Protein backbone atom coordinates (compact mmCIF):
# COMPACT_ATOMS: atom_id res chain seq x y z
CA THR A 1 0.38 12.27 27.31
CA PRO A 2 -2.89 12.96 25.73
CA TRP A 3 -3.82 11.26 22.40
CA TRP A 4 -3.87 14.61 20.40
CA ALA A 5 -0.41 15.35 21.41
CA VAL A 6 0.71 11.82 20.69
CA ILE A 7 -1.03 12.25 17.14
CA VAL A 8 0.57 15.53 16.65
CA GLY A 9 4.17 14.32 17.82
CA SER A 10 4.15 11.26 15.61
CA ALA A 11 3.04 13.32 12.66
CA VAL A 12 6.24 15.68 13.31
CA VAL A 13 8.46 12.82 14.12
CA LEU A 14 7.77 10.54 11.18
CA ARG A 15 7.91 13.32 8.62
CA GLY A 16 11.06 14.96 10.06
CA SER A 17 12.90 11.64 10.33
CA LEU A 18 11.77 9.87 7.18
CA THR A 19 10.57 12.25 4.60
CA LEU A 20 12.46 15.68 5.28
CA PRO A 21 15.84 13.89 4.27
CA VAL A 22 14.25 12.73 1.00
CA PHE A 23 13.01 16.30 0.41
CA ILE A 24 16.33 17.69 0.93
CA TYR A 25 18.10 15.13 -1.39
CA GLN A 26 15.11 16.04 -4.05
CA GLN A 27 15.90 19.79 -3.90
CA ARG A 28 19.65 19.24 -4.24
CA ALA A 29 18.94 17.16 -7.32
CA MET A 30 16.50 19.68 -8.73
CA ALA A 31 19.06 22.41 -8.37
CA ARG A 32 21.71 20.43 -9.67
CA ALA A 33 19.46 19.74 -12.98
CA GLN A 34 18.97 23.29 -13.18
CA ARG A 35 22.49 24.22 -13.28
CA LEU A 36 23.18 21.41 -15.88
CA GLY A 37 20.16 22.85 -17.88
CA ARG A 38 22.29 26.18 -18.30
CA VAL A 39 25.46 24.18 -19.23
CA SER A 40 23.54 22.18 -21.89
CA ALA A 41 22.32 25.49 -23.26
CA ALA A 42 25.71 26.86 -23.35
CA TRP A 43 26.94 23.89 -25.54
CA GLN A 44 24.42 24.27 -28.32
CA HIS A 45 26.77 26.79 -30.03
CA SER A 46 29.72 24.50 -30.09
CA MET A 47 27.70 21.40 -30.92
CA ARG A 48 26.14 23.35 -33.85
CA ALA A 49 29.50 24.19 -35.35
CA SER A 50 30.64 20.48 -34.73
CA LEU A 51 27.57 19.18 -36.27
CA ARG A 52 27.89 21.11 -39.31
CA LEU A 53 31.34 19.84 -39.88
CA GLU A 54 30.07 16.17 -39.47
CA THR A 55 27.15 16.89 -41.83
CA ALA A 56 28.94 18.83 -44.47
CA ASP A 57 28.87 16.21 -46.96
CA LYS A 58 25.04 15.54 -46.49
CA SER A 59 22.12 17.32 -47.66
CA LEU A 60 20.41 18.06 -44.62
CA THR A 61 17.24 20.50 -44.81
CA PRO A 62 17.37 23.17 -41.87
CA MET A 63 14.49 21.31 -39.97
CA GLN A 64 16.43 18.05 -40.19
CA PHE A 65 19.70 19.60 -38.87
CA GLN A 66 17.93 21.26 -36.05
CA ALA A 67 16.18 18.03 -35.18
CA LEU A 68 19.36 16.17 -35.02
CA LEU A 69 20.97 18.99 -32.95
CA GLU A 70 18.39 19.14 -30.39
CA GLN A 71 18.47 15.26 -30.15
CA ARG A 72 22.43 15.69 -29.50
CA VAL A 73 21.75 18.06 -27.06
CA ARG A 74 19.05 16.23 -25.20
CA ARG A 75 21.39 12.96 -25.24
CA LYS A 76 24.21 14.68 -23.72
CA HIS A 77 21.90 16.42 -21.13
CA HIS A 78 20.47 13.07 -20.15
CA GLU A 79 24.02 11.62 -19.59
CA LEU A 80 25.18 14.52 -17.41
CA LEU A 81 21.78 14.09 -15.24
CA LEU A 82 22.45 10.49 -14.62
CA LYS A 83 26.17 11.23 -13.85
CA GLN A 84 25.05 13.78 -11.13
CA GLY A 85 22.28 11.85 -9.81
CA SER A 86 19.65 14.55 -10.95
CA HIS A 87 17.58 12.32 -13.27
CA PRO A 88 13.73 13.61 -13.43
CA ILE A 89 12.51 10.47 -11.81
CA MET A 90 14.11 11.91 -8.57
CA ASN A 91 10.86 14.04 -8.67
CA PHE A 92 8.94 10.78 -7.52
CA LEU A 93 11.15 10.08 -4.76
CA LEU A 94 9.05 12.32 -2.04
CA PRO A 95 5.69 10.96 -2.87
CA LEU A 96 7.14 7.38 -2.91
CA ALA A 97 8.18 7.87 0.49
CA GLN A 98 5.31 9.91 1.88
CA LEU A 99 2.53 7.52 0.58
CA PRO A 100 3.18 4.47 2.59
CA ILE A 101 3.68 6.64 5.77
CA TRP A 102 0.26 8.48 5.15
CA VAL A 103 -1.70 5.12 4.34
CA SER A 104 -0.17 3.30 7.52
CA MET A 105 -0.96 6.04 9.94
CA THR A 106 -4.44 6.63 8.46
CA TYR A 107 -4.94 3.03 8.95
CA VAL A 108 -3.58 2.75 12.39
CA LEU A 109 -5.66 5.94 13.56
CA ARG A 110 -8.97 4.24 12.03
CA HIS A 111 -8.08 1.24 13.93
CA LEU A 112 -7.56 3.14 17.27
CA CYS A 113 -10.83 5.00 16.78
CA GLY A 114 -12.88 1.72 16.56
CA VAL A 115 -13.36 1.78 12.81
CA PRO A 116 -12.84 -1.62 10.96
CA LEU A 117 -10.01 -1.71 8.51
CA PRO A 118 -10.83 -3.44 5.05
CA TYR A 119 -8.71 -6.47 4.08
CA PHE A 120 -7.69 -6.67 7.90
CA ASP A 121 -10.86 -6.70 9.98
CA THR A 122 -13.93 -9.24 9.49
CA VAL A 123 -16.85 -7.29 7.86
CA GLY A 124 -19.34 -6.23 10.38
CA SER A 125 -16.99 -7.16 12.97
CA SER A 126 -16.46 -4.60 16.01
CA VAL A 127 -13.17 -2.89 16.91
CA ASP A 128 -12.45 -1.54 20.47
CA VAL A 129 -11.70 1.99 20.75
CA ALA A 130 -8.31 2.77 22.20
CA PRO A 131 -8.55 3.87 25.94
CA ALA A 132 -9.17 7.76 26.66
CA MET A 133 -9.42 8.27 22.69
CA ALA A 134 -12.96 9.56 23.25
CA HIS A 135 -12.07 12.26 25.51
CA GLU A 136 -8.15 13.35 25.10
CA GLY A 137 -8.84 15.67 22.28
CA ILE A 138 -8.14 19.46 22.29
CA LEU A 139 -9.96 22.70 21.52
CA TRP A 140 -13.47 22.07 20.02
CA PHE A 141 -12.53 18.47 19.10
CA SER A 142 -12.51 16.75 22.55
CA ASP A 143 -13.80 13.32 21.04
CA LEU A 144 -11.25 12.11 18.57
CA THR A 145 -13.22 9.12 17.50
CA VAL A 146 -15.77 11.09 15.43
CA ALA A 147 -16.15 13.44 12.67
CA ASP A 148 -15.67 17.01 13.29
CA PRO A 149 -19.41 18.45 13.52
CA THR A 150 -18.23 22.00 13.15
CA PHE A 151 -16.40 21.08 9.95
CA VAL A 152 -13.62 23.39 10.83
CA LEU A 153 -10.69 20.76 10.96
CA PRO A 154 -11.50 19.60 7.52
CA ALA A 155 -11.81 22.98 6.18
CA ILE A 156 -8.34 23.87 7.70
CA THR A 157 -6.92 20.61 6.24
CA GLY A 158 -8.04 21.38 2.66
CA ALA A 159 -6.83 25.04 2.98
CA LEU A 160 -3.46 23.50 3.78
CA TYR A 161 -3.48 21.06 1.04
CA LEU A 162 -4.20 24.00 -1.38
CA ALA A 163 -1.46 26.28 0.04
CA ASN A 164 0.85 23.47 -0.46
CA ALA A 165 -0.20 22.90 -4.12
CA VAL A 166 0.28 27.03 -4.71
CA VAL A 167 3.71 26.87 -3.15
CA ALA A 168 4.88 23.57 -4.99
CA ARG A 169 3.54 24.86 -8.36
CA ARG A 170 5.44 28.12 -7.90
CA SER A 171 8.66 26.18 -6.95
CA ALA A 172 8.30 24.07 -9.91
CA ALA A 173 7.94 26.87 -12.24
CA LYS A 174 11.60 27.89 -11.45
CA PHE A 175 12.76 24.75 -12.48
CA MET A 176 10.79 24.44 -15.53
CA ARG A 177 11.02 25.89 -19.04
CA ARG A 178 8.48 28.65 -19.82
CA GLY A 179 6.36 27.96 -22.70
CA PRO A 180 2.73 27.53 -23.73
CA PRO A 181 0.54 25.26 -21.52
CA THR A 182 0.42 21.70 -22.83
CA THR A 183 -2.44 19.24 -22.09
CA MET A 184 -0.19 17.47 -19.31
CA SER A 185 0.34 20.74 -17.62
CA ARG A 186 -3.33 21.53 -17.57
CA VAL A 187 -3.93 18.01 -16.25
CA ILE A 188 -1.42 18.22 -13.45
CA ASP A 189 -2.89 21.59 -12.48
CA VAL A 190 -6.27 20.43 -12.35
CA VAL A 191 -5.19 17.45 -10.11
CA ALA A 192 -3.06 19.60 -8.05
CA PHE A 193 -5.79 22.22 -7.34
CA GLY A 194 -8.62 19.79 -7.28
CA SER A 195 -7.37 17.30 -4.74
CA PRO A 196 -7.32 19.81 -1.84
CA VAL A 197 -11.38 20.03 -2.48
CA LEU A 198 -11.62 16.25 -2.62
CA MET A 199 -9.43 16.01 0.49
CA THR A 200 -12.09 18.58 2.29
CA TYR A 201 -14.80 16.40 1.46
CA ILE A 202 -13.18 13.16 2.45
CA ALA A 203 -11.98 14.52 5.77
CA ALA A 204 -15.59 15.67 6.63
CA GLY A 205 -16.52 12.00 7.22
CA GLN A 206 -13.37 10.72 8.91
CA PRO A 207 -12.87 10.54 12.64
CA VAL A 208 -10.93 13.73 14.00
CA ALA A 209 -7.85 11.78 14.87
CA ILE A 210 -6.98 11.06 11.23
CA VAL A 211 -7.95 14.76 10.07
CA LEU A 212 -5.63 15.84 12.57
CA TYR A 213 -2.86 13.72 11.51
CA TRP A 214 -3.42 14.90 7.90
CA ALA A 215 -3.62 18.62 8.94
CA VAL A 216 -0.57 18.30 10.97
CA SER A 217 1.47 16.48 8.01
CA ALA A 218 0.12 19.12 5.65
CA ALA A 219 1.31 21.92 7.83
CA PHE A 220 4.54 20.37 8.16
CA SER A 221 4.95 20.26 4.26
CA LEU A 222 3.93 23.76 3.98
CA VAL A 223 6.51 24.80 6.43
CA GLN A 224 9.19 22.59 4.82
CA ASN A 225 8.38 24.15 1.05
CA LEU A 226 8.44 27.69 2.39
CA VAL A 227 11.43 27.35 4.20
CA PHE A 228 13.51 25.58 1.32
């Protein structure tokens, strides 16, 4: 099997067997959280009436009463999320599952391409290139050990990362309350849409084997996001 097919197959197998189940679980948790949000909103009327009875002998201002009501609704909503396994921390499951695989495969491919690894190889030492890695590429990148001189593959990788950011942003909007943009939401948007530019710049100087893995992994994520 040529090296390019091994790299592509490894990306698909790793993503399909390790991160896809986590993604499915996360999507179901987000769907449950959305339904529970509607339940909590429906409870506000009854909880408002109950709270008025409890605070009838207290001189609360309208703002104090509303703050106390929102606090109780949030507490009840939080309890429901915990019971249903839909806590917001579930949103970090997929990145936590993807990052170790991404870093490990990047290090493995760097080593196979003959690039010394920081903290693993001695500084200035030479690393042997894997047999046939230099001529078992495909299309315009036959040599997998050097950077793409045409810059096409890094551009494709950056475009895939950008497409993922757009799809993820639109999907997240369905589970978030609409409102004016906050500082945190602006920071998230800048990071989400700025990272593809940074990835393109980094990919331009990496061996084709690494960039090919990144591109296939990003393509898998895009198909995954569009399907679900």
